[in-house]
Amino acid sequence: MVSTLNDFARLCLMLERGGELDGIRVLREETVKLMCVNLLQEMTGDPQSWCLETSGLGFGILGSVAVSHPEANWFDAPGEVGWGGLAGTAWAMDPKEGLVVISFCQVMYELWIDEELRKAVRSALGFSEQRPCGASEEK
């Protein structure tokens, strides 16, 4: 896929908003939900099959799908969907928190950059190990 950062951001926002962007319905909400389902255990027949050997990280049509698991990373919030590329491009969306994180750093094989960016964003927004992702903060 070839895209600009702005267009890719709009695609991620459309997905995060359930298939709608700028008042225009692009995909049915049900379609987006199906695209965000973890299919890994169903496809492998193994309930302990995880994407990238990371507990709580499944795989679906759009890429990785975080699910509840006692050993999951705190920054992989249940419901978060995303994927990274070998050239340093990555995206993640968390529809429960209304969060989209995109990284286009163009550094080959440095797969840790996306993870560190998501950690930094979640920490800056107050989503930490002390406050589980998905738990709303009282205002």
C-alpha atoms as a PDB file:
ATOM      1  CA  MET A   1       0.000   0.000   0.000  1.00  0.00           C
ATOM      2  CA  VAL A   2       1.238   3.480  -0.815  1.00  0.00           C
ATOM      3  CA  SER A   3      -0.218   6.451   1.024  1.00  0.00           C
ATOM      4  CA  THR A   4       0.509   9.801   2.566  1.00  0.00           C
ATOM      5  CA  LEU A   5       0.610  10.184   6.332  1.00  0.00           C
ATOM      6  CA  ASN A   6      -2.487  12.413   6.205  1.00  0.00           C
ATOM      7  CA  ASP A   7      -4.518   9.937   4.164  1.00  0.00           C
ATOM      8  CA  PHE A   8      -3.416   7.026   6.335  1.00  0.00           C
ATOM      9  CA  ALA A   9      -4.405   9.008   9.444  1.00  0.00           C
ATOM     10  CA  ARG A  10      -7.855   9.566   7.924  1.00  0.00           C
ATOM     11  CA  LEU A  11      -8.169   5.815   7.259  1.00  0.00           C
ATOM     12  CA  CYS A  12      -7.271   5.060  10.898  1.00  0.00           C
ATOM     13  CA  LEU A  13      -9.712   7.704  12.172  1.00  0.00           C
ATOM     14  CA  MET A  14     -12.469   6.236   9.999  1.00  0.00           C
ATOM     15  CA  LEU A  15     -11.821   2.792  11.478  1.00  0.00           C
ATOM     16  CA  GLU A  16     -11.633   4.169  15.042  1.00  0.00           C
ATOM     17  CA  ARG A  17     -14.991   5.901  14.497  1.00  0.00           C
ATOM     18  CA  GLY A  18     -16.696   2.695  13.429  1.00  0.00           C
ATOM     19  CA  GLY A  19     -16.547   3.237   9.662  1.00  0.00           C
ATOM     20  CA  GLU A  20     -17.566   6.883   9.472  1.00  0.00           C
ATOM     21  CA  LEU A  21     -15.463   9.967   8.730  1.00  0.00           C
ATOM     22  CA  ASP A  22     -16.527  13.569   8.237  1.00  0.00           C
ATOM     23  CA  GLY A  23     -20.176  12.551   8.413  1.00  0.00           C
ATOM     24  CA  ILE A  24     -19.798  10.026   5.593  1.00  0.00           C
ATOM     25  CA  ARG A  25     -20.374   6.323   6.193  1.00  0.00           C
ATOM     26  CA  VAL A  26     -17.542   4.428   4.433  1.00  0.00           C
ATOM     27  CA  LEU A  27     -17.988   1.014   6.074  1.00  0.00           C
ATOM     28  CA  ARG A  28     -20.816  -0.426   8.111  1.00  0.00           C
ATOM     29  CA  GLU A  29     -20.067  -0.441  11.834  1.00  0.00           C
ATOM     30  CA  GLU A  30     -20.611  -4.210  11.870  1.00  0.00           C
ATOM     31  CA  THR A  31     -17.944  -4.587   9.175  1.00  0.00           C
ATOM     32  CA  VAL A  32     -15.385  -2.638  11.199  1.00  0.00           C
ATOM     33  CA  LYS A  33     -16.191  -4.712  14.291  1.00  0.00           C
ATOM     34  CA  LEU A  34     -15.627  -7.920  12.307  1.00  0.00           C
ATOM     35  CA  MET A  35     -12.307  -6.536  11.044  1.00  0.00           C
ATOM     36  CA  CYS A  36     -11.208  -6.023  14.668  1.00  0.00           C
ATOM     37  CA  VAL A  37     -11.904  -9.550  15.955  1.00  0.00           C
ATOM     38  CA  ASN A  38      -9.093 -11.855  17.074  1.00  0.00           C
ATOM     39  CA  LEU A  39      -9.150 -14.865  14.732  1.00  0.00           C
ATOM     40  CA  LEU A  40      -5.845 -16.486  15.728  1.00  0.00           C
ATOM     41  CA  GLN A  41      -7.096 -19.143  18.144  1.00  0.00           C
ATOM     42  CA  GLU A  42      -9.969 -20.061  15.841  1.00  0.00           C
ATOM     43  CA  MET A  43      -7.671 -20.406  12.827  1.00  0.00           C
ATOM     44  CA  THR A  44      -4.924 -22.355  14.615  1.00  0.00           C
ATOM     45  CA  GLY A  45      -7.153 -24.400  16.912  1.00  0.00           C
ATOM     46  CA  ASP A  46      -4.802 -23.500  19.763  1.00  0.00           C
ATOM     47  CA  PRO A  47      -6.189 -21.331  22.605  1.00  0.00           C
ATOM     48  CA  GLN A  48      -2.600 -20.386  23.559  1.00  0.00           C
ATOM     49  CA  SER A  49      -1.630 -19.196  20.072  1.00  0.00           C
ATOM     50  CA  TRP A  50      -0.544 -15.543  20.222  1.00  0.00           C
ATOM     51  CA  CYS A  51       0.731 -13.068  17.655  1.00  0.00           C
ATOM     52  CA  LEU A  52       4.506 -12.459  17.933  1.00  0.00           C
ATOM     53  CA  GLU A  53       4.488 -14.890  20.883  1.00  0.00           C
ATOM     54  CA  THR A  54       3.010 -12.102  23.057  1.00  0.00           C
ATOM     55  CA  SER A  55       0.300 -13.195  25.499  1.00  0.00           C
ATOM     56  CA  GLY A  56      -2.933 -11.310  24.874  1.00  0.00           C
ATOM     57  CA  LEU A  57      -1.983 -10.283  21.343  1.00  0.00           C
ATOM     58  CA  GLY A  58      -4.179 -11.946  18.758  1.00  0.00           C
ATOM     59  CA  PHE A  59      -4.462 -11.416  15.027  1.00  0.00           C
ATOM     60  CA  GLY A  60      -7.321 -10.385  12.775  1.00  0.00           C
ATOM     61  CA  ILE A  61      -8.068  -8.914   9.368  1.00  0.00           C
ATOM     62  CA  LEU A  62      -6.446  -5.546  10.184  1.00  0.00           C
ATOM     63  CA  GLY A  63      -3.432  -6.921  12.059  1.00  0.00           C
ATOM     64  CA  SER A  64      -2.773  -7.443  15.748  1.00  0.00           C
ATOM     65  CA  VAL A  65      -5.756  -7.461  18.108  1.00  0.00           C
ATOM     66  CA  ALA A  66      -5.195  -7.025  21.847  1.00  0.00           C
ATOM     67  CA  VAL A  67      -7.424  -9.106  24.106  1.00  0.00           C
ATOM     68  CA  SER A  68      -7.732  -9.445  27.876  1.00  0.00           C
ATOM     69  CA  HIS A  69      -5.068 -11.739  29.288  1.00  0.00           C
ATOM     70  CA  PRO A  70      -3.421 -11.772  32.728  1.00  0.00           C
ATOM     71  CA  GLU A  71       0.066 -11.669  31.163  1.00  0.00           C
ATOM     72  CA  ALA A  72      -0.668  -9.022  28.484  1.00  0.00           C
ATOM     73  CA  ASN A  73       1.454  -5.886  28.181  1.00  0.00           C
ATOM     74  CA  TRP A  74      -0.186  -2.925  29.935  1.00  0.00           C
ATOM     75  CA  PHE A  75       0.090  -0.815  26.763  1.00  0.00           C
ATOM     76  CA  ASP A  76      -1.722  -3.438  24.639  1.00  0.00           C
ATOM     77  CA  ALA A  77      -5.202  -2.410  25.749  1.00  0.00           C
ATOM     78  CA  PRO A  78      -7.986  -4.928  25.084  1.00  0.00           C
ATOM     79  CA  GLY A  79      -9.671  -3.869  21.856  1.00  0.00           C
ATOM     80  CA  GLU A  80      -6.606  -2.108  20.442  1.00  0.00           C
ATOM     81  CA  VAL A  81      -5.904  -3.026  16.820  1.00  0.00           C
ATOM     82  CA  GLY A  82      -2.846  -2.179  14.758  1.00  0.00           C
ATOM     83  CA  TRP A  83       0.214  -3.295  12.892  1.00  0.00           C
ATOM     84  CA  GLY A  84       3.763  -2.261  12.174  1.00  0.00           C
ATOM     85  CA  GLY A  85       5.909  -2.584   9.096  1.00  0.00           C
ATOM     86  CA  LEU A  86       9.576  -3.450   8.726  1.00  0.00           C
ATOM     87  CA  ALA A  87      10.340   0.027   7.351  1.00  0.00           C
ATOM     88  CA  GLY A  88       9.303   1.711  10.608  1.00  0.00           C
ATOM     89  CA  THR A  89       5.685   2.460   9.796  1.00  0.00           C
ATOM     90  CA  ALA A  90       3.124   1.483  12.402  1.00  0.00           C
ATOM     91  CA  TRP A  91      -0.387   2.304  13.529  1.00  0.00           C
ATOM     92  CA  ALA A  92      -2.653   1.416  16.416  1.00  0.00           C
ATOM     93  CA  MET A  93      -6.195   2.385  17.295  1.00  0.00           C
ATOM     94  CA  ASP A  94      -8.071   1.957  20.526  1.00  0.00           C
ATOM     95  CA  PRO A  95     -11.751   2.679  19.887  1.00  0.00           C
ATOM     96  CA  LYS A  96     -12.591   2.404  23.606  1.00  0.00           C
ATOM     97  CA  GLU A  97     -10.277   5.325  24.401  1.00  0.00           C
ATOM     98  CA  GLY A  98     -10.750   7.179  21.095  1.00  0.00           C
ATOM     99  CA  LEU A  99      -7.010   6.851  20.498  1.00  0.00           C
ATOM    100  CA  VAL A 100      -5.086   6.571  17.232  1.00  0.00           C
ATOM    101  CA  VAL A 101      -1.269   6.396  17.203  1.00  0.00           C
ATOM    102  CA  ILE A 102       0.659   6.481  13.924  1.00  0.00           C
ATOM    103  CA  SER A 103       4.421   6.292  13.484  1.00  0.00           C
ATOM    104  CA  PHE A 104       6.155   6.749  10.136  1.00  0.00           C
ATOM    105  CA  CYS A 105       9.821   6.904  11.158  1.00  0.00           C
ATOM    106  CA  GLN A 106      11.327   5.047   8.150  1.00  0.00           C
ATOM    107  CA  VAL A 107      13.970   3.106  10.081  1.00  0.00           C
ATOM    108  CA  MET A 108      14.369  -0.486   8.889  1.00  0.00           C
ATOM    109  CA  TYR A 109      14.000  -3.366  11.366  1.00  0.00           C
ATOM    110  CA  GLU A 110      13.639  -1.178  14.471  1.00  0.00           C
ATOM    111  CA  LEU A 111      10.370  -2.770  15.596  1.00  0.00           C
ATOM    112  CA  TRP A 112      10.659  -1.420  19.159  1.00  0.00           C
ATOM    113  CA  ILE A 113       9.953   2.189  18.088  1.00  0.00           C
ATOM    114  CA  ASP A 114       6.185   1.639  17.709  1.00  0.00           C
ATOM    115  CA  GLU A 115       5.975  -0.064  21.089  1.00  0.00           C
ATOM    116  CA  GLU A 116       7.862   2.729  22.852  1.00  0.00           C
ATOM    117  CA  LEU A 117       5.714   5.380  21.148  1.00  0.00           C
ATOM    118  CA  ARG A 118       2.492   3.670  22.278  1.00  0.00           C
ATOM    119  CA  LYS A 119       3.870   3.396  25.826  1.00  0.00           C
ATOM    120  CA  ALA A 120       4.779   7.100  25.827  1.00  0.00           C
ATOM    121  CA  VAL A 121       1.386   8.183  24.470  1.00  0.00           C
ATOM    122  CA  ARG A 122      -0.554   6.044  26.936  1.00  0.00           C
ATOM    123  CA  SER A 123       1.624   7.255  29.835  1.00  0.00           C
ATOM    124  CA  ALA A 124       1.226  10.898  28.796  1.00  0.00           C
ATOM    125  CA  LEU A 125      -2.556  10.458  28.687  1.00  0.00           C
ATOM    126  CA  GLY A 126      -2.583   8.836  32.123  1.00  0.00           C
ATOM    127  CA  PHE A 127      -3.056   5.248  30.967  1.00  0.00           C
ATOM    128  CA  SER A 128      -0.479   3.439  33.049  1.00  0.00           C
ATOM    129  CA  GLU A 129       0.093   0.133  34.781  1.00  0.00           C
ATOM    130  CA  GLN A 130      -1.627   1.631  37.830  1.00  0.00           C
ATOM    131  CA  ARG A 131      -4.750   2.567  35.812  1.00  0.00           C
ATOM    132  CA  PRO A 132      -5.698  -0.224  33.390  1.00  0.00           C
ATOM    133  CA  CYS A 133      -6.398   0.814  29.821  1.00  0.00           C
ATOM    134  CA  GLY A 134     -10.083   1.248  29.200  1.00  0.00           C
ATOM    135  CA  ALA A 135     -10.771   2.561  32.726  1.00  0.00           C
ATOM    136  CA  SER A 136     -12.095   6.085  32.461  1.00  0.00           C
ATOM    137  CA  GLU A 137     -10.728   8.766  34.726  1.00  0.00           C
ATOM    138  CA  GLU A 138     -13.095  10.825  36.880  1.00  0.00           C
ATOM    139  CA  LYS A 139     -13.205  14.498  35.873  1.00  0.00           C
END
